[in-house]
Protein backbone atom coordinates (compact mmCIF):
# COMPACT_ATOMS: atom_id res chain seq x y z
CA MET A 1 0.03 0.05 -0.01
CA GLN A 2 2.77 2.27 0.88
CA LEU A 3 4.28 1.89 -2.57
CA VAL A 4 0.91 2.93 -4.16
CA PHE A 5 0.55 5.96 -1.95
CA GLU A 6 4.12 7.25 -2.00
CA THR A 7 5.13 6.38 -5.64
CA GLY A 8 1.72 7.19 -7.26
CA LYS A 9 2.07 4.01 -9.32
CA PRO A 10 -1.09 2.36 -10.45
CA ILE A 11 -2.38 -0.47 -8.24
CA ALA A 12 -2.19 -2.92 -11.10
CA GLN A 13 1.54 -2.21 -11.70
CA VAL A 14 2.42 -2.40 -7.97
CA ALA A 15 0.44 -5.69 -7.66
CA ARG A 16 2.31 -7.17 -10.67
CA ASP A 17 5.62 -6.05 -9.19
CA LEU A 18 4.84 -7.65 -5.81
CA GLY A 19 3.14 -10.73 -7.20
CA VAL A 20 -0.09 -9.85 -5.41
CA ASN A 21 -3.63 -10.05 -6.77
CA GLU A 22 -4.70 -6.67 -8.03
CA GLY A 23 -8.11 -6.78 -6.46
CA THR A 24 -6.61 -7.66 -3.10
CA LEU A 25 -4.17 -4.80 -3.24
CA GLY A 26 -6.92 -2.51 -4.38
CA ASN A 27 -9.08 -3.54 -1.33
CA TRP A 28 -6.18 -2.95 1.02
CA CYS A 29 -5.59 0.49 -0.49
CA ALA A 30 -9.17 1.39 -0.18
CA VAL A 31 -9.21 0.36 3.52
CA GLU A 32 -6.12 2.41 4.11
CA ARG A 33 -7.49 5.39 2.28
CA ARG A 34 -10.64 5.41 4.42
CA ARG A 35 -8.56 5.02 7.56
CA ARG A 36 -6.34 7.98 6.63
CA GLU A 37 -9.34 10.11 5.87
CA GLY A 38 -10.80 9.33 9.29
CA GLY A 39 -13.84 7.64 7.75
CA GLN A 40 -15.07 10.91 6.18
CA ALA A 41 -15.50 9.18 2.77
CA GLY A 42 -19.20 8.78 3.34
CA LEU A 43 -22.10 10.08 1.24
CA SER A 44 -22.37 13.63 0.10
CA GLU A 45 -25.22 15.87 1.25
CA ASP A 46 -27.09 15.33 -1.95
CA GLU A 47 -26.60 11.54 -1.85
CA ARG A 48 -27.84 11.43 1.73
CA ALA A 49 -31.07 13.40 0.76
CA GLU A 50 -31.66 11.09 -2.22
CA LEU A 51 -31.21 8.00 0.02
CA VAL A 52 -33.72 9.36 2.49
CA ARG A 53 -36.18 10.14 -0.34
CA LEU A 54 -35.69 6.66 -1.94
CA ARG A 55 -36.21 4.84 1.30
CA LYS A 56 -39.50 6.79 1.89
CA GLU A 57 -40.69 5.97 -1.59
CA ILE A 58 -39.86 2.24 -1.08
CA ALA A 59 -41.81 2.24 2.17
CA GLU A 60 -44.79 3.84 0.36
CA LEU A 61 -44.66 1.40 -2.50
CA ARG A 62 -44.52 -1.59 -0.23
CA MET A 63 -47.46 -0.25 1.73
CA GLN A 64 -49.48 0.26 -1.54
CA ARG A 65 -48.53 -3.22 -2.72
CA VAL A 66 -49.78 -4.72 0.61
CA CYS A 67 -53.02 -2.73 0.40
CA SER A 68 -53.63 -3.54 -3.25
CA SER A 69 -53.05 -7.28 -2.81
CA SER A 70 -55.33 -7.39 0.24
CA ALA A 71 -58.11 -5.62 -1.65
CA PHE A 72 -57.65 -7.87 -4.73
CA PHE A 73 -57.78 -11.00 -2.46
CA ARG A 74 -60.92 -9.77 -0.73
CA LEU A 75 -62.72 -9.00 -3.99
CA SER A 76 -61.65 -12.21 -5.66
CA SER A 77 -62.71 -14.19 -2.62
CA ARG A 78 -66.22 -12.54 -2.89
CA ILE A 79 -66.53 -13.17 -6.57
CA CYS A 80 -65.43 -16.88 -6.11
CA ALA A 81 -67.74 -17.32 -3.11
CA ALA A 82 -70.62 -16.18 -5.30
CA ALA A 83 -69.72 -18.77 -7.92
CA SER A 84 -69.00 -21.64 -5.51
CA GLU A 85 -70.42 -25.06 -5.64
CA ASP A 86 -72.85 -24.11 -2.73
CA THR A 87 -74.38 -21.41 -4.83
CA PRO A 88 -77.39 -22.82 -6.75
CA GLY A 89 -76.97 -22.40 -10.52
CA ALA A 90 -73.25 -21.85 -10.36
CA SER A 91 -71.62 -23.23 -13.58
CA PRO A 92 -68.95 -25.84 -13.16
CA ALA A 93 -66.68 -23.79 -15.36
CA SER A 94 -66.90 -20.75 -13.07
CA THR A 95 -66.41 -22.93 -10.01
CA ALA A 96 -63.22 -24.54 -11.53
CA ALA A 97 -61.95 -21.14 -12.57
CA CYS A 98 -62.31 -19.82 -8.94
CA ARG A 99 -60.50 -22.85 -7.58
CA ILE A 100 -57.56 -22.30 -9.93
CA HIS A 101 -57.63 -18.59 -9.21
CA LEU A 102 -57.60 -19.10 -5.36
CA ARG A 103 -54.83 -21.66 -5.67
CA ASN A 104 -52.75 -19.24 -7.70
CA VAL A 105 -53.44 -16.29 -5.33
CA SER A 106 -52.56 -18.29 -2.18
CA VAL A 107 -49.12 -19.08 -3.56
């Protein structure tokens, strides 16, 4: 690592000279660079703001998905209940379709 920092040579060249894997030396240099900077190599102010915004958006989308799937399941259950075998006049085709639908929904 010292050779990379002091000489300014590329990591690939130093790795070849030392007979060390380039990726390994690169990882070591990255760790040392973070240590020297005191861990201040974090996200910028803009990146933090975007991260917060994206996390909120993900939470909202997950909630919408849960609500949508619950509403869909309730509606499909009502439709299939109306077409069940217990309902007089229910066609065998609609009853079979509801069984397939419920089996696919429950997966």
